[in-house]
Amino acid sequence: MREGVSVRRAADIALALTAPETYRLLVADRGWTPQEWRRWTTETLVAQLLDER
């Protein structure tokens, strides 16, 4: 886990990124493909939660 990110904060970040509302907003409303959403979600979760080591 990235230094300074608590378990609670990590859960909040994961919830915000993977919520059905976020998916619907980006895919259905904004025209992202499911693959684009999956790639962005994965990259963002890794960047926000995992230590670079």
PDB file of N, CA and C in Angstrom:
ATOM      1  N   MET A   1       0.854  -1.174   0.000  1.00  0.00           N
ATOM      2  CA  MET A   1       0.000   0.000   0.000  1.00  0.00           C
ATOM      3  C   MET A   1       0.896   1.232   0.000  1.00  0.00           C
ATOM      4  N   ARG A   2       0.464   2.238  -0.687  1.00  0.00           N
ATOM      5  CA  ARG A   2       1.197   3.500  -0.738  1.00  0.00           C
ATOM      6  C   ARG A   2       1.268   4.126   0.656  1.00  0.00           C
ATOM      7  N   GLU A   3       2.430   4.645   0.996  1.00  0.00           N
ATOM      8  CA  GLU A   3       2.627   5.279   2.298  1.00  0.00           C
ATOM      9  C   GLU A   3       1.645   6.436   2.472  1.00  0.00           C
ATOM     10  N   GLY A   4       1.040   6.500   3.636  1.00  0.00           N
ATOM     11  CA  GLY A   4       0.123   7.582   3.955  1.00  0.00           C
ATOM     12  C   GLY A   4      -1.320   7.323   3.534  1.00  0.00           C
ATOM     13  N   VAL A   5      -1.580   6.220   2.863  1.00  0.00           N
ATOM     14  CA  VAL A   5      -2.950   5.884   2.463  1.00  0.00           C
ATOM     15  C   VAL A   5      -3.490   4.858   3.461  1.00  0.00           C
ATOM     16  N   SER A   6      -4.465   5.272   4.229  1.00  0.00           N
ATOM     17  CA  SER A   6      -5.066   4.364   5.206  1.00  0.00           C
ATOM     18  C   SER A   6      -5.981   3.367   4.499  1.00  0.00           C
ATOM     19  N   VAL A   7      -6.325   2.330   5.213  1.00  0.00           N
ATOM     20  CA  VAL A   7      -7.249   1.344   4.660  1.00  0.00           C
ATOM     21  C   VAL A   7      -8.583   2.013   4.332  1.00  0.00           C
ATOM     22  N   ARG A   8      -9.033   2.875   5.205  1.00  0.00           N
ATOM     23  CA  ARG A   8     -10.298   3.582   4.970  1.00  0.00           C
ATOM     24  C   ARG A   8     -10.228   4.456   3.724  1.00  0.00           C
ATOM     25  N   ARG A   9      -9.133   5.193   3.561  1.00  0.00           N
ATOM     26  CA  ARG A   9      -8.970   6.037   2.369  1.00  0.00           C
ATOM     27  C   ARG A   9      -8.889   5.186   1.109  1.00  0.00           C
ATOM     28  N   ALA A  10      -8.171   4.071   1.176  1.00  0.00           N
ATOM     29  CA  ALA A  10      -8.069   3.167   0.028  1.00  0.00           C
ATOM     30  C   ALA A  10      -9.449   2.648  -0.372  1.00  0.00           C
ATOM     31  N   ALA A  11     -10.242   2.292   0.611  1.00  0.00           N
ATOM     32  CA  ALA A  11     -11.601   1.819   0.331  1.00  0.00           C
ATOM     33  C   ALA A  11     -12.441   2.913  -0.312  1.00  0.00           C
ATOM     34  N   ASP A  12     -12.306   4.141   0.169  1.00  0.00           N
ATOM     35  CA  ASP A  12     -13.051   5.268  -0.411  1.00  0.00           C
ATOM     36  C   ASP A  12     -12.663   5.491  -1.871  1.00  0.00           C
ATOM     37  N   ILE A  13     -11.375   5.444  -2.153  1.00  0.00           N
ATOM     38  CA  ILE A  13     -10.886   5.639  -3.520  1.00  0.00           C
ATOM     39  C   ILE A  13     -11.415   4.533  -4.428  1.00  0.00           C
ATOM     40  N   ALA A  14     -11.304   3.294  -3.964  1.00  0.00           N
ATOM     41  CA  ALA A  14     -11.781   2.166  -4.765  1.00  0.00           C
ATOM     42  C   ALA A  14     -13.287   2.266  -5.009  1.00  0.00           C
ATOM     43  N   LEU A  15     -14.027   2.628  -3.991  1.00  0.00           N
ATOM     44  CA  LEU A  15     -15.473   2.773  -4.133  1.00  0.00           C
ATOM     45  C   LEU A  15     -15.825   3.857  -5.147  1.00  0.00           C
ATOM     46  N   ALA A  16     -15.183   5.009  -5.058  1.00  0.00           N
ATOM     47  CA  ALA A  16     -15.480   6.108  -5.974  1.00  0.00           C
ATOM     48  C   ALA A  16     -15.184   5.726  -7.424  1.00  0.00           C
ATOM     49  N   LEU A  17     -14.080   5.020  -7.630  1.00  0.00           N
ATOM     50  CA  LEU A  17     -13.690   4.669  -9.001  1.00  0.00           C
ATOM     51  C   LEU A  17     -14.515   3.540  -9.592  1.00  0.00           C
ATOM     52  N   THR A  18     -14.952   2.606  -8.753  1.00  0.00           N
ATOM     53  CA  THR A  18     -15.637   1.430  -9.277  1.00  0.00           C
ATOM     54  C   THR A  18     -17.147   1.451  -9.062  1.00  0.00           C
ATOM     55  N   ALA A  19     -17.666   2.537  -8.550  1.00  0.00           N
ATOM     56  CA  ALA A  19     -19.110   2.645  -8.327  1.00  0.00           C
ATOM     57  C   ALA A  19     -19.869   2.546  -9.651  1.00  0.00           C
ATOM     58  N   PRO A  20     -21.017   1.909  -9.629  1.00  0.00           N
ATOM     59  CA  PRO A  20     -21.821   1.830 -10.852  1.00  0.00           C
ATOM     60  C   PRO A  20     -22.127   3.205 -11.444  1.00  0.00           C
ATOM     61  N   GLU A  21     -22.284   4.194 -10.576  1.00  0.00           N
ATOM     62  CA  GLU A  21     -22.572   5.549 -11.058  1.00  0.00           C
ATOM     63  C   GLU A  21     -21.407   6.113 -11.869  1.00  0.00           C
ATOM     64  N   THR A  22     -20.187   5.837 -11.437  1.00  0.00           N
ATOM     65  CA  THR A  22     -19.008   6.316 -12.172  1.00  0.00           C
ATOM     66  C   THR A  22     -18.917   5.633 -13.525  1.00  0.00           C
ATOM     67  N   TYR A  23     -19.129   4.335 -13.537  1.00  0.00           N
ATOM     68  CA  TYR A  23     -19.121   3.594 -14.802  1.00  0.00           C
ATOM     69  C   TYR A  23     -20.186   4.144 -15.741  1.00  0.00           C
ATOM     70  N   ARG A  24     -21.397   4.280 -15.251  1.00  0.00           N
ATOM     71  CA  ARG A  24     -22.502   4.770 -16.077  1.00  0.00           C
ATOM     72  C   ARG A  24     -22.218   6.175 -16.612  1.00  0.00           C
ATOM     73  N   LEU A  25     -21.702   7.037 -15.780  1.00  0.00           N
ATOM     74  CA  LEU A  25     -21.389   8.396 -16.205  1.00  0.00           C
ATOM     75  C   LEU A  25     -20.388   8.389 -17.351  1.00  0.00           C
ATOM     76  N   LEU A  26     -19.306   7.650 -17.189  1.00  0.00           N
ATOM     77  CA  LEU A  26     -18.247   7.680 -18.196  1.00  0.00           C
ATOM     78  C   LEU A  26     -18.588   6.871 -19.444  1.00  0.00           C
ATOM     79  N   VAL A  27     -19.201   5.712 -19.269  1.00  0.00           N
ATOM     80  CA  VAL A  27     -19.472   4.846 -20.420  1.00  0.00           C
ATOM     81  C   VAL A  27     -20.778   5.241 -21.118  1.00  0.00           C
ATOM     82  N   ALA A  28     -21.867   5.289 -20.384  1.00  0.00           N
ATOM     83  CA  ALA A  28     -23.159   5.562 -21.015  1.00  0.00           C
ATOM     84  C   ALA A  28     -23.343   7.043 -21.370  1.00  0.00           C
ATOM     85  N   ASP A  29     -22.944   7.916 -20.450  1.00  0.00           N
ATOM     86  CA  ASP A  29     -23.194   9.345 -20.669  1.00  0.00           C
ATOM     87  C   ASP A  29     -22.092  10.047 -21.451  1.00  0.00           C
ATOM     88  N   ARG A  30     -20.836   9.664 -21.216  1.00  0.00           N
ATOM     89  CA  ARG A  30     -19.718  10.375 -21.837  1.00  0.00           C
ATOM     90  C   ARG A  30     -19.101   9.641 -23.020  1.00  0.00           C
ATOM     91  N   GLY A  31     -19.554   8.432 -23.294  1.00  0.00           N
ATOM     92  CA  GLY A  31     -19.134   7.733 -24.495  1.00  0.00           C
ATOM     93  C   GLY A  31     -17.844   6.932 -24.418  1.00  0.00           C
ATOM     94  N   TRP A  32     -17.324   6.703 -23.212  1.00  0.00           N
ATOM     95  CA  TRP A  32     -16.139   5.854 -23.088  1.00  0.00           C
ATOM     96  C   TRP A  32     -16.527   4.422 -23.431  1.00  0.00           C
ATOM     97  N   THR A  33     -15.591   3.667 -23.952  1.00  0.00           N
ATOM     98  CA  THR A  33     -15.838   2.241 -24.144  1.00  0.00           C
ATOM     99  C   THR A  33     -15.599   1.531 -22.807  1.00  0.00           C
ATOM    100  N   PRO A  34     -16.189   0.359 -22.629  1.00  0.00           N
ATOM    101  CA  PRO A  34     -15.905  -0.393 -21.403  1.00  0.00           C
ATOM    102  C   PRO A  34     -14.409  -0.669 -21.231  1.00  0.00           C
ATOM    103  N   GLN A  35     -13.703  -0.901 -22.324  1.00  0.00           N
ATOM    104  CA  GLN A  35     -12.265  -1.144 -22.249  1.00  0.00           C
ATOM    105  C   GLN A  35     -11.512   0.100 -21.781  1.00  0.00           C
ATOM    106  N   GLU A  36     -11.924   1.277 -22.249  1.00  0.00           N
ATOM    107  CA  GLU A  36     -11.287   2.527 -21.803  1.00  0.00           C
ATOM    108  C   GLU A  36     -11.520   2.730 -20.306  1.00  0.00           C
ATOM    109  N   TRP A  37     -12.755   2.489 -19.877  1.00  0.00           N
ATOM    110  CA  TRP A  37     -13.058   2.643 -18.456  1.00  0.00           C
ATOM    111  C   TRP A  37     -12.227   1.672 -17.626  1.00  0.00           C
ATOM    112  N   ARG A  38     -12.137   0.418 -18.055  1.00  0.00           N
ATOM    113  CA  ARG A  38     -11.371  -0.604 -17.326  1.00  0.00           C
ATOM    114  C   ARG A  38      -9.902  -0.215 -17.228  1.00  0.00           C
ATOM    115  N   ARG A  39      -9.328   0.235 -18.339  1.00  0.00           N
ATOM    116  CA  ARG A  39      -7.918   0.640 -18.353  1.00  0.00           C
ATOM    117  C   ARG A  39      -7.689   1.822 -17.409  1.00  0.00           C
ATOM    118  N   TRP A  40      -8.538   2.843 -17.518  1.00  0.00           N
ATOM    119  CA  TRP A  40      -8.404   4.034 -16.679  1.00  0.00           C
ATOM    120  C   TRP A  40      -8.570   3.676 -15.203  1.00  0.00           C
ATOM    121  N   THR A  41      -9.560   2.857 -14.894  1.00  0.00           N
ATOM    122  CA  THR A  41      -9.800   2.469 -13.508  1.00  0.00           C
ATOM    123  C   THR A  41      -8.607   1.711 -12.940  1.00  0.00           C
ATOM    124  N   THR A  42      -8.096   0.770 -13.698  1.00  0.00           N
ATOM    125  CA  THR A  42      -6.937  -0.006 -13.248  1.00  0.00           C
ATOM    126  C   THR A  42      -5.729   0.886 -13.037  1.00  0.00           C
ATOM    127  N   GLU A  43      -5.418   1.720 -14.009  1.00  0.00           N
ATOM    128  CA  GLU A  43      -4.255   2.609 -13.898  1.00  0.00           C
ATOM    129  C   GLU A  43      -4.393   3.569 -12.723  1.00  0.00           C
ATOM    130  N   THR A  44      -5.586   4.086 -12.518  1.00  0.00           N
ATOM    131  CA  THR A  44      -5.809   5.042 -11.436  1.00  0.00           C
ATOM    132  C   THR A  44      -5.725   4.361 -10.073  1.00  0.00           C
ATOM    133  N   LEU A  45      -6.313   3.177  -9.947  1.00  0.00           N
ATOM    134  CA  LEU A  45      -6.207   2.442  -8.686  1.00  0.00           C
ATOM    135  C   LEU A  45      -4.755   2.126  -8.351  1.00  0.00           C
ATOM    136  N   VAL A  46      -4.004   1.670  -9.319  1.00  0.00           N
ATOM    137  CA  VAL A  46      -2.589   1.359  -9.096  1.00  0.00           C
ATOM    138  C   VAL A  46      -1.839   2.620  -8.671  1.00  0.00           C
ATOM    139  N   ALA A  47      -2.045   3.718  -9.379  1.00  0.00           N
ATOM    140  CA  ALA A  47      -1.334   4.963  -9.079  1.00  0.00           C
ATOM    141  C   ALA A  47      -1.694   5.514  -7.697  1.00  0.00           C
ATOM    142  N   GLN A  48      -2.946   5.380  -7.312  1.00  0.00           N
ATOM    143  CA  GLN A  48      -3.399   5.940  -6.050  1.00  0.00           C
ATOM    144  C   GLN A  48      -3.115   5.057  -4.834  1.00  0.00           C
ATOM    145  N   LEU A  49      -3.076   3.747  -5.038  1.00  0.00           N
ATOM    146  CA  LEU A  49      -3.037   2.847  -3.899  1.00  0.00           C
ATOM    147  C   LEU A  49      -1.737   2.087  -3.696  1.00  0.00           C
ATOM    148  N   LEU A  50      -0.995   1.856  -4.752  1.00  0.00           N
ATOM    149  CA  LEU A  50       0.181   1.000  -4.616  1.00  0.00           C
ATOM    150  C   LEU A  50       1.468   1.797  -4.575  1.00  0.00           C
ATOM    151  N   ASP A  51       2.373   1.323  -3.762  1.00  0.00           N
ATOM    152  CA  ASP A  51       3.701   1.924  -3.653  1.00  0.00           C
ATOM    153  C   ASP A  51       4.452   1.641  -4.957  1.00  0.00           C
ATOM    154  N   GLU A  52       5.240   2.562  -5.407  1.00  0.00           N
ATOM    155  CA  GLU A  52       5.967   2.415  -6.660  1.00  0.00           C
ATOM    156  C   GLU A  52       7.117   1.423  -6.569  1.00  0.00           C
ATOM    157  N   ARG A  53       7.460   0.996  -5.362  1.00  0.00           N
ATOM    158  CA  ARG A  53       8.569   0.043  -5.205  1.00  0.00           C
ATOM    159  C   ARG A  53       8.253  -1.260  -5.772  1.00  0.00           C
TER     160      ARG A  53
END
